[in-house]
Protein backbone atom coordinates (compact mmCIF):
# COMPACT_ATOMS: atom_id res chain seq x y z
CA MET A 1 0.11 -0.04 0.09
CA ASP A 2 1.25 3.48 -0.91
CA ASP A 3 2.27 6.00 1.84
CA GLN A 4 -1.10 7.96 1.67
CA VAL A 5 -3.18 4.96 2.17
CA GLY A 6 -0.65 3.34 4.49
CA GLN A 7 -1.02 6.51 6.87
CA ALA A 8 -5.05 6.41 6.57
CA TYR A 9 -4.71 2.93 7.79
CA ALA A 10 -2.45 3.67 10.44
CA GLN A 11 -5.06 6.52 11.55
CA ALA A 12 -8.09 3.54 11.09
CA LEU A 13 -6.22 1.54 13.48
CA LEU A 14 -5.62 4.22 16.09
CA ALA A 15 -9.32 5.42 15.86
CA ILE A 16 -10.54 1.65 16.73
CA ALA A 17 -7.73 1.84 19.71
CA ARG A 18 -9.09 5.10 20.60
CA VAL A 19 -13.00 3.85 21.14
CA ASP A 20 -12.49 3.24 24.45
CA ARG A 21 -10.94 6.80 24.94
CA GLU A 22 -7.49 6.03 25.30
CA VAL A 23 -4.58 4.41 23.77
CA SER A 24 -2.42 2.29 25.72
CA PRO A 25 1.30 1.99 25.39
CA GLU A 26 0.69 -1.87 24.47
CA GLU A 27 -1.97 -0.78 21.75
CA SER A 28 0.44 1.98 20.30
CA SER A 29 3.19 -0.75 20.10
CA ARG A 30 0.65 -3.08 18.36
CA VAL A 31 -0.35 -0.42 15.87
CA ARG A 32 3.35 0.11 14.97
CA GLU A 33 3.72 -3.67 14.37
CA LEU A 34 0.72 -4.27 12.43
CA VAL A 35 1.25 -1.27 10.30
CA ALA A 36 4.95 -2.23 9.57
CA SER A 37 3.61 -5.56 8.42
CA ARG A 38 1.48 -3.84 5.81
CA SER A 39 3.62 -0.72 4.68
CA ALA A 40 6.67 0.97 5.00
CA VAL A 41 5.08 4.28 6.29
CA ALA A 42 6.34 6.21 9.45
CA ILE A 43 3.09 6.60 11.53
CA ASP A 44 1.90 10.01 12.33
CA PHE A 45 0.68 9.62 15.65
CA GLU A 46 0.42 13.47 16.46
CA ALA A 47 -2.05 13.46 13.25
CA SER A 48 -4.50 11.39 14.94
CA PHE A 49 -4.97 14.06 17.89
CA PHE A 50 -5.75 16.83 15.28
CA GLN A 51 -7.97 15.01 12.68
CA LYS A 52 -9.96 12.04 13.58
CA MET A 53 -9.88 9.19 10.89
CA THR A 54 -13.68 8.47 10.08
CA PRO A 55 -14.64 5.30 7.91
CA GLU A 56 -15.72 7.77 5.13
CA ILE A 57 -12.29 9.64 5.23
CA LEU A 58 -10.64 6.01 4.80
CA ALA A 59 -12.80 5.22 1.95
CA ARG A 60 -12.24 8.12 0.14
CA THR A 61 -8.49 8.10 0.75
CA VAL A 62 -8.48 4.11 -0.56
CA ALA A 63 -10.47 5.13 -3.58
CA ALA A 64 -8.40 8.37 -4.74
CA ALA A 65 -5.29 6.05 -4.48
CA LYS A 66 -7.27 3.52 -6.66
CA ALA A 67 -6.66 0.87 -4.03
CA ASP A 68 -8.94 -2.41 -3.44
CA GLY A 69 -11.18 -1.34 -0.90
CA ILE A 70 -12.13 -4.68 -0.14
CA ALA A 71 -8.50 -5.97 0.28
CA VAL A 72 -7.82 -3.01 2.35
CA ALA A 73 -11.01 -3.67 4.30
CA HIS A 74 -9.83 -7.61 4.88
CA MET A 75 -6.64 -6.41 6.30
CA LEU A 76 -8.24 -3.85 8.65
CA ILE A 77 -10.63 -6.66 9.91
CA VAL A 78 -7.83 -8.73 10.70
CA ASP A 79 -5.34 -6.18 12.15
CA GLY A 80 -8.37 -4.13 13.88
CA ILE A 81 -9.30 -7.77 15.74
CA ARG A 82 -5.52 -8.27 16.52
CA LEU A 83 -5.20 -4.55 18.05
CA ALA A 84 -8.46 -5.00 19.99
CA THR A 85 -7.54 -8.03 21.46
CA THR A 86 -4.21 -6.72 22.70
CA ASP A 87 -5.89 -6.09 26.05
CA GLY A 88 -7.64 -9.71 26.29
CA ASP A 89 -10.92 -9.15 24.56
CA LEU A 90 -13.03 -7.48 21.68
CA ASN A 91 -15.64 -5.25 23.20
CA SER A 92 -18.65 -4.33 21.44
CA ALA A 93 -17.63 -0.55 20.59
CA GLU A 94 -14.28 -2.01 18.93
CA ALA A 95 -16.37 -4.43 16.95
CA HIS A 96 -18.65 -1.89 15.90
CA ALA A 97 -15.80 0.44 14.64
CA ILE A 98 -14.36 -2.16 12.78
CA LEU A 99 -17.55 -3.31 10.96
CA ARG A 100 -18.20 0.46 10.42
CA PHE A 101 -14.97 0.68 8.44
CA ALA A 102 -15.26 -2.50 6.58
CA HIS A 103 -18.38 -1.32 5.22
CA ALA A 104 -17.09 2.22 4.20
CA LEU A 105 -14.61 0.26 2.20
CA GLY A 106 -17.45 -1.60 0.59
CA CYS A 107 -17.56 -5.11 2.58
CA THR A 108 -20.80 -6.57 2.68
CA ASP A 109 -21.52 -8.80 5.75
CA LEU A 110 -20.36 -11.96 3.90
CA ASP A 111 -17.12 -10.56 2.73
CA ILE A 112 -16.59 -9.55 6.50
CA THR A 113 -17.09 -12.92 7.74
CA GLY A 114 -14.95 -14.36 4.90
CA ALA A 115 -12.07 -12.11 5.67
CA THR A 116 -11.10 -14.14 8.80
CA ARG A 117 -12.70 -16.65 11.18
CA GLU A 118 -11.20 -14.75 14.16
CA PRO A 119 -14.06 -13.02 14.90
CA ASP A 120 -16.61 -15.73 14.84
CA GLU A 121 -17.44 -15.43 18.53
CA PHE A 122 -17.75 -11.69 18.34
CA PHE A 123 -19.74 -11.11 14.94
């Protein structure tokens, strides 16, 4: 993924981490690890304080880059679950945020359940 999509992807993961109002050091570390596995982009953590990433902004960024929205959504579902479970569980607010991003990127419910078997107990 290119730098623009990579940065938006990182900001989306931070938005998922932030649904419970704070990003723990463990979650920050996990975001770095997850993004590094997908992109060489340097995460701009400061940007997340000044502009909140929304599902709509991510979808527009992915579309503008002519990237595959479904593929990005599948990565975000898997990585979002891995991030959300850093503290041991996936709560409903985190699950809802992941689903909103996936839907905005063009995923149907069938696409979402096909992305990974990890969320079976949650979705």
